[in-house]
Amino acid sequence: MKGELVKLLSRADVLLAGRPELMQALRNDPAVFIASPLNGLRPQQKRKVRAVAKKIHAVLRTQPPLLPL
């Protein structure tokens, strides 16, 4: 699972090359990133980035919490 997350994040790095603010937003919260307008990206690039963000979000949701409540 960790390997898959690393692979997805590296794919996102490639898609968002030159846009460090968007990459930081993706790393902070993929769910919020998916809903953001992604200004400045081409429509095809937006679709690809959102697809990767959705996969990252799905991987993170399947992980157990770090601290049990």
PDB file of N, CA and C in Angstrom:
ATOM      1  N   MET A   1       0.831  -1.197   0.000  1.00  0.00           N
ATOM      2  CA  MET A   1       0.000   0.000   0.000  1.00  0.00           C
ATOM      3  C   MET A   1       0.874   1.257   0.000  1.00  0.00           C
ATOM      4  N   LYS A   2       1.952   1.231   0.795  1.00  0.00           N
ATOM      5  CA  LYS A   2       2.823   2.400   0.846  1.00  0.00           C
ATOM      6  C   LYS A   2       3.486   2.638  -0.505  1.00  0.00           C
ATOM      7  N   GLY A   3       3.871   1.543  -1.174  1.00  0.00           N
ATOM      8  CA  GLY A   3       4.483   1.669  -2.493  1.00  0.00           C
ATOM      9  C   GLY A   3       3.534   2.296  -3.503  1.00  0.00           C
ATOM     10  N   GLU A   4       2.251   1.930  -3.404  1.00  0.00           N
ATOM     11  CA  GLU A   4       1.250   2.500  -4.303  1.00  0.00           C
ATOM     12  C   GLU A   4       1.098   4.002  -4.069  1.00  0.00           C
ATOM     13  N   LEU A   5       1.113   4.402  -2.803  1.00  0.00           N
ATOM     14  CA  LEU A   5       0.988   5.823  -2.469  1.00  0.00           C
ATOM     15  C   LEU A   5       2.186   6.604  -2.997  1.00  0.00           C
ATOM     16  N   VAL A   6       3.367   6.051  -2.847  1.00  0.00           N
ATOM     17  CA  VAL A   6       4.574   6.713  -3.355  1.00  0.00           C
ATOM     18  C   VAL A   6       4.500   6.859  -4.872  1.00  0.00           C
ATOM     19  N   LYS A   7       4.034   5.811  -5.538  1.00  0.00           N
ATOM     20  CA  LYS A   7       3.910   5.848  -7.001  1.00  0.00           C
ATOM     21  C   LYS A   7       2.905   6.920  -7.434  1.00  0.00           C
ATOM     22  N   LEU A   8       1.779   7.005  -6.715  1.00  0.00           N
ATOM     23  CA  LEU A   8       0.767   8.009  -7.055  1.00  0.00           C
ATOM     24  C   LEU A   8       1.279   9.425  -6.811  1.00  0.00           C
ATOM     25  N   LEU A   9       2.000   9.616  -5.713  1.00  0.00           N
ATOM     26  CA  LEU A   9       2.550  10.950  -5.436  1.00  0.00           C
ATOM     27  C   LEU A   9       3.602  11.349  -6.460  1.00  0.00           C
ATOM     28  N   SER A  10       4.407  10.403  -6.914  1.00  0.00           N
ATOM     29  CA  SER A  10       5.395  10.740  -7.937  1.00  0.00           C
ATOM     30  C   SER A  10       4.703  11.065  -9.264  1.00  0.00           C
ATOM     31  N   ARG A  11       3.602  10.373  -9.562  1.00  0.00           N
ATOM     32  CA  ARG A  11       2.819  10.694 -10.773  1.00  0.00           C
ATOM     33  C   ARG A  11       2.238  12.106 -10.663  1.00  0.00           C
ATOM     34  N   ALA A  12       1.753  12.455  -9.479  1.00  0.00           N
ATOM     35  CA  ALA A  12       1.220  13.797  -9.267  1.00  0.00           C
ATOM     36  C   ALA A  12       2.326  14.842  -9.411  1.00  0.00           C
ATOM     37  N   ASP A  13       3.534  14.529  -8.934  1.00  0.00           N
ATOM     38  CA  ASP A  13       4.670  15.448  -9.103  1.00  0.00           C
ATOM     39  C   ASP A  13       4.920  15.745 -10.574  1.00  0.00           C
ATOM     40  N   VAL A  14       4.845  14.708 -11.404  1.00  0.00           N
ATOM     41  CA  VAL A  14       5.077  14.878 -12.841  1.00  0.00           C
ATOM     42  C   VAL A  14       3.968  15.737 -13.451  1.00  0.00           C
ATOM     43  N   LEU A  15       2.722  15.450 -13.093  1.00  0.00           N
ATOM     44  CA  LEU A  15       1.596  16.200 -13.662  1.00  0.00           C
ATOM     45  C   LEU A  15       1.583  17.660 -13.211  1.00  0.00           C
ATOM     46  N   LEU A  16       2.047  17.907 -12.002  1.00  0.00           N
ATOM     47  CA  LEU A  16       2.011  19.266 -11.455  1.00  0.00           C
ATOM     48  C   LEU A  16       3.384  19.927 -11.454  1.00  0.00           C
ATOM     49  N   ALA A  17       4.256  19.504 -12.353  1.00  0.00           N
ATOM     50  CA  ALA A  17       5.595  20.085 -12.443  1.00  0.00           C
ATOM     51  C   ALA A  17       5.489  21.595 -12.653  1.00  0.00           C
ATOM     52  N   GLY A  18       6.237  22.340 -11.874  1.00  0.00           N
ATOM     53  CA  GLY A  18       6.216  23.794 -11.978  1.00  0.00           C
ATOM     54  C   GLY A  18       5.076  24.450 -11.214  1.00  0.00           C
ATOM     55  N   ARG A  19       4.296  23.686 -10.486  1.00  0.00           N
ATOM     56  CA  ARG A  19       3.176  24.227  -9.709  1.00  0.00           C
ATOM     57  C   ARG A  19       3.286  23.754  -8.250  1.00  0.00           C
ATOM     58  N   PRO A  20       4.302  24.242  -7.526  1.00  0.00           N
ATOM     59  CA  PRO A  20       4.522  23.750  -6.152  1.00  0.00           C
ATOM     60  C   PRO A  20       3.350  24.028  -5.214  1.00  0.00           C
ATOM     61  N   GLU A  21       2.614  25.100  -5.451  1.00  0.00           N
ATOM     62  CA  GLU A  21       1.478  25.410  -4.569  1.00  0.00           C
ATOM     63  C   GLU A  21       0.364  24.372  -4.706  1.00  0.00           C
ATOM     64  N   LEU A  22       0.166  23.870  -5.931  1.00  0.00           N
ATOM     65  CA  LEU A  22      -0.841  22.826  -6.133  1.00  0.00           C
ATOM     66  C   LEU A  22      -0.379  21.493  -5.551  1.00  0.00           C
ATOM     67  N   MET A  23       0.907  21.194  -5.687  1.00  0.00           N
ATOM     68  CA  MET A  23       1.424  19.942  -5.131  1.00  0.00           C
ATOM     69  C   MET A  23       1.313  19.954  -3.606  1.00  0.00           C
ATOM     70  N   GLN A  24       1.601  21.092  -2.995  1.00  0.00           N
ATOM     71  CA  GLN A  24       1.484  21.190  -1.542  1.00  0.00           C
ATOM     72  C   GLN A  24       0.029  21.034  -1.107  1.00  0.00           C
ATOM     73  N   ALA A  25      -0.887  21.614  -1.858  1.00  0.00           N
ATOM     74  CA  ALA A  25      -2.310  21.482  -1.537  1.00  0.00           C
ATOM     75  C   ALA A  25      -2.750  20.018  -1.647  1.00  0.00           C
ATOM     76  N   LEU A  26      -2.253  19.309  -2.639  1.00  0.00           N
ATOM     77  CA  LEU A  26      -2.590  17.893  -2.794  1.00  0.00           C
ATOM     78  C   LEU A  26      -2.062  17.080  -1.618  1.00  0.00           C
ATOM     79  N   ARG A  27      -0.858  17.359  -1.201  1.00  0.00           N
ATOM     80  CA  ARG A  27      -0.267  16.615  -0.080  1.00  0.00           C
ATOM     81  C   ARG A  27      -0.970  16.941   1.239  1.00  0.00           C
ATOM     82  N   ASN A  28      -1.483  18.158   1.377  1.00  0.00           N
ATOM     83  CA  ASN A  28      -2.171  18.541   2.621  1.00  0.00           C
ATOM     84  C   ASN A  28      -3.514  17.840   2.760  1.00  0.00           C
ATOM     85  N   ASP A  29      -4.333  17.869   1.723  1.00  0.00           N
ATOM     86  CA  ASP A  29      -5.661  17.248   1.804  1.00  0.00           C
ATOM     87  C   ASP A  29      -6.174  16.918   0.407  1.00  0.00           C
ATOM     88  N   PRO A  30      -6.065  15.664  -0.011  1.00  0.00           N
ATOM     89  CA  PRO A  30      -6.503  15.284  -1.357  1.00  0.00           C
ATOM     90  C   PRO A  30      -7.985  15.534  -1.601  1.00  0.00           C
ATOM     91  N   ALA A  31      -8.826  15.389  -0.576  1.00  0.00           N
ATOM     92  CA  ALA A  31     -10.266  15.584  -0.763  1.00  0.00           C
ATOM     93  C   ALA A  31     -10.584  17.033  -1.121  1.00  0.00           C
ATOM     94  N   VAL A  32      -9.948  17.957  -0.448  1.00  0.00           N
ATOM     95  CA  VAL A  32     -10.161  19.379  -0.752  1.00  0.00           C
ATOM     96  C   VAL A  32      -9.576  19.710  -2.116  1.00  0.00           C
ATOM     97  N   PHE A  33      -8.437  19.115  -2.431  1.00  0.00           N
ATOM     98  CA  PHE A  33      -7.785  19.348  -3.715  1.00  0.00           C
ATOM     99  C   PHE A  33      -8.675  18.922  -4.874  1.00  0.00           C
ATOM    100  N   ILE A  34      -9.366  17.793  -4.730  1.00  0.00           N
ATOM    101  CA  ILE A  34     -10.243  17.280  -5.789  1.00  0.00           C
ATOM    102  C   ILE A  34     -11.336  18.290  -6.115  1.00  0.00           C
ATOM    103  N   ALA A  35     -11.845  18.971  -5.085  1.00  0.00           N
ATOM    104  CA  ALA A  35     -12.936  19.928  -5.273  1.00  0.00           C
ATOM    105  C   ALA A  35     -12.457  21.307  -5.714  1.00  0.00           C
ATOM    106  N   SER A  36     -11.167  21.572  -5.671  1.00  0.00           N
ATOM    107  CA  SER A  36     -10.662  22.899  -6.024  1.00  0.00           C
ATOM    108  C   SER A  36     -10.733  23.125  -7.538  1.00  0.00           C
ATOM    109  N   PRO A  37     -10.772  24.392  -7.968  1.00  0.00           N
ATOM    110  CA  PRO A  37     -10.929  24.685  -9.401  1.00  0.00           C
ATOM    111  C   PRO A  37      -9.690  24.403 -10.247  1.00  0.00           C
ATOM    112  N   LEU A  38      -8.505  24.292  -9.640  1.00  0.00           N
ATOM    113  CA  LEU A  38      -7.252  24.033 -10.370  1.00  0.00           C
ATOM    114  C   LEU A  38      -7.035  25.043 -11.493  1.00  0.00           C
ATOM    115  N   ASN A  39      -7.107  26.300 -11.150  1.00  0.00           N
ATOM    116  CA  ASN A  39      -6.905  27.364 -12.130  1.00  0.00           C
ATOM    117  C   ASN A  39      -5.522  27.279 -12.759  1.00  0.00           C
ATOM    118  N   GLY A  40      -5.452  27.553 -14.021  1.00  0.00           N
ATOM    119  CA  GLY A  40      -4.190  27.583 -14.733  1.00  0.00           C
ATOM    120  C   GLY A  40      -3.794  26.267 -15.385  1.00  0.00           C
ATOM    121  N   LEU A  41      -4.578  25.218 -15.175  1.00  0.00           N
ATOM    122  CA  LEU A  41      -4.275  23.935 -15.813  1.00  0.00           C
ATOM    123  C   LEU A  41      -5.206  23.721 -17.003  1.00  0.00           C
ATOM    124  N   ARG A  42      -4.709  23.013 -18.000  1.00  0.00           N
ATOM    125  CA  ARG A  42      -5.531  22.679 -19.160  1.00  0.00           C
ATOM    126  C   ARG A  42      -6.574  21.638 -18.746  1.00  0.00           C
ATOM    127  N   PRO A  43      -7.725  21.594 -19.439  1.00  0.00           N
ATOM    128  CA  PRO A  43      -8.785  20.641 -19.062  1.00  0.00           C
ATOM    129  C   PRO A  43      -8.312  19.188 -18.989  1.00  0.00           C
ATOM    130  N   GLN A  44      -7.511  18.750 -19.958  1.00  0.00           N
ATOM    131  CA  GLN A  44      -7.025  17.374 -19.942  1.00  0.00           C
ATOM    132  C   GLN A  44      -6.119  17.141 -18.735  1.00  0.00           C
ATOM    133  N   GLN A  45      -5.293  18.129 -18.419  1.00  0.00           N
ATOM    134  CA  GLN A  45      -4.397  18.017 -17.272  1.00  0.00           C
ATOM    135  C   GLN A  45      -5.200  17.985 -15.970  1.00  0.00           C
ATOM    136  N   LYS A  46      -6.274  18.765 -15.897  1.00  0.00           N
ATOM    137  CA  LYS A  46      -7.128  18.765 -14.711  1.00  0.00           C
ATOM    138  C   LYS A  46      -7.733  17.387 -14.483  1.00  0.00           C
ATOM    139  N   ARG A  47      -8.202  16.748 -15.544  1.00  0.00           N
ATOM    140  CA  ARG A  47      -8.795  15.413 -15.416  1.00  0.00           C
ATOM    141  C   ARG A  47      -7.779  14.409 -14.889  1.00  0.00           C
ATOM    142  N   LYS A  48      -6.574  14.452 -15.442  1.00  0.00           N
ATOM    143  CA  LYS A  48      -5.543  13.509 -15.013  1.00  0.00           C
ATOM    144  C   LYS A  48      -5.152  13.733 -13.551  1.00  0.00           C
ATOM    145  N   VAL A  49      -4.991  14.998 -13.181  1.00  0.00           N
ATOM    146  CA  VAL A  49      -4.597  15.329 -11.812  1.00  0.00           C
ATOM    147  C   VAL A  49      -5.691  14.925 -10.832  1.00  0.00           C
ATOM    148  N   ARG A  50      -6.935  15.197 -11.178  1.00  0.00           N
ATOM    149  CA  ARG A  50      -8.040  14.813 -10.286  1.00  0.00           C
ATOM    150  C   ARG A  50      -8.143  13.300 -10.140  1.00  0.00           C
ATOM    151  N   ALA A  51      -7.896  12.565 -11.211  1.00  0.00           N
ATOM    152  CA  ALA A  51      -7.940  11.101 -11.136  1.00  0.00           C
ATOM    153  C   ALA A  51      -6.865  10.586 -10.180  1.00  0.00           C
ATOM    154  N   VAL A  52      -5.671  11.141 -10.262  1.00  0.00           N
ATOM    155  CA  VAL A  52      -4.596  10.733  -9.354  1.00  0.00           C
ATOM    156  C   VAL A  52      -4.948  11.133  -7.924  1.00  0.00           C
ATOM    157  N   ALA A  53      -5.500  12.325  -7.725  1.00  0.00           N
ATOM    158  CA  ALA A  53      -5.878  12.779  -6.386  1.00  0.00           C
ATOM    159  C   ALA A  53      -6.949  11.873  -5.781  1.00  0.00           C
ATOM    160  N   LYS A  54      -7.883  11.422  -6.589  1.00  0.00           N
ATOM    161  CA  LYS A  54      -8.921  10.512  -6.092  1.00  0.00           C
ATOM    162  C   LYS A  54      -8.318   9.181  -5.660  1.00  0.00           C
ATOM    163  N   LYS A  55      -7.349   8.689  -6.415  1.00  0.00           N
ATOM    164  CA  LYS A  55      -6.689   7.436  -6.046  1.00  0.00           C
ATOM    165  C   LYS A  55      -5.900   7.606  -4.750  1.00  0.00           C
ATOM    166  N   ILE A  56      -5.209   8.751  -4.605  1.00  0.00           N
ATOM    167  CA  ILE A  56      -4.463   9.027  -3.368  1.00  0.00           C
ATOM    168  C   ILE A  56      -5.427   9.072  -2.190  1.00  0.00           C
ATOM    169  N   HIS A  57      -6.540   9.749  -2.370  1.00  0.00           N
ATOM    170  CA  HIS A  57      -7.545   9.851  -1.308  1.00  0.00           C
ATOM    171  C   HIS A  57      -8.071   8.461  -0.923  1.00  0.00           C
ATOM    172  N   ALA A  58      -8.306   7.616  -1.908  1.00  0.00           N
ATOM    173  CA  ALA A  58      -8.807   6.266  -1.635  1.00  0.00           C
ATOM    174  C   ALA A  58      -7.774   5.444  -0.860  1.00  0.00           C
ATOM    175  N   VAL A  59      -6.509   5.563  -1.227  1.00  0.00           N
ATOM    176  CA  VAL A  59      -5.454   4.831  -0.521  1.00  0.00           C
ATOM    177  C   VAL A  59      -5.361   5.306   0.924  1.00  0.00           C
ATOM    178  N   LEU A  60      -5.423   6.611   1.130  1.00  0.00           N
ATOM    179  CA  LEU A  60      -5.321   7.149   2.485  1.00  0.00           C
ATOM    180  C   LEU A  60      -6.516   6.747   3.344  1.00  0.00           C
ATOM    181  N   ARG A  61      -7.688   6.631   2.751  1.00  0.00           N
ATOM    182  CA  ARG A  61      -8.880   6.237   3.510  1.00  0.00           C
ATOM    183  C   ARG A  61      -8.814   4.792   3.972  1.00  0.00           C
ATOM    184  N   THR A  62      -8.105   3.942   3.237  1.00  0.00           N
ATOM    185  CA  THR A  62      -8.032   2.534   3.606  1.00  0.00           C
ATOM    186  C   THR A  62      -6.994   2.265   4.688  1.00  0.00           C
ATOM    187  N   GLN A  63      -6.137   3.240   4.975  1.00  0.00           N
ATOM    188  CA  GLN A  63      -5.122   3.046   6.012  1.00  0.00           C
ATOM    189  C   GLN A  63      -5.750   3.207   7.385  1.00  0.00           C
ATOM    190  N   PRO A  64      -5.279   2.430   8.359  1.00  0.00           N
ATOM    191  CA  PRO A  64      -5.797   2.588   9.721  1.00  0.00           C
ATOM    192  C   PRO A  64      -5.311   3.921  10.303  1.00  0.00           C
ATOM    193  N   PRO A  65      -6.040   4.457  11.285  1.00  0.00           N
ATOM    194  CA  PRO A  65      -5.616   5.708  11.899  1.00  0.00           C
ATOM    195  C   PRO A  65      -4.281   5.546  12.617  1.00  0.00           C
ATOM    196  N   LEU A  66      -3.523   6.627  12.688  1.00  0.00           N
ATOM    197  CA  LEU A  66      -2.223   6.571  13.332  1.00  0.00           C
ATOM    198  C   LEU A  66      -2.336   6.348  14.839  1.00  0.00           C
ATOM    199  N   LEU A  67      -3.291   7.010  15.450  1.00  0.00           N
ATOM    200  CA  LEU A  67      -3.491   6.888  16.900  1.00  0.00           C
ATOM    201  C   LEU A  67      -4.901   6.377  17.169  1.00  0.00           C
ATOM    202  N   PRO A  68      -5.018   5.284  17.882  1.00  0.00           N
ATOM    203  CA  PRO A  68      -6.367   4.801  18.197  1.00  0.00           C
ATOM    204  C   PRO A  68      -7.080   5.767  19.141  1.00  0.00           C
ATOM    205  N   LEU A  69      -8.362   5.932  18.920  1.00  0.00           N
ATOM    206  CA  LEU A  69      -9.138   6.847  19.766  1.00  0.00           C
ATOM    207  C   LEU A  69      -9.635   6.162  21.002  1.00  0.00           C
TER     208      LEU A  69
END
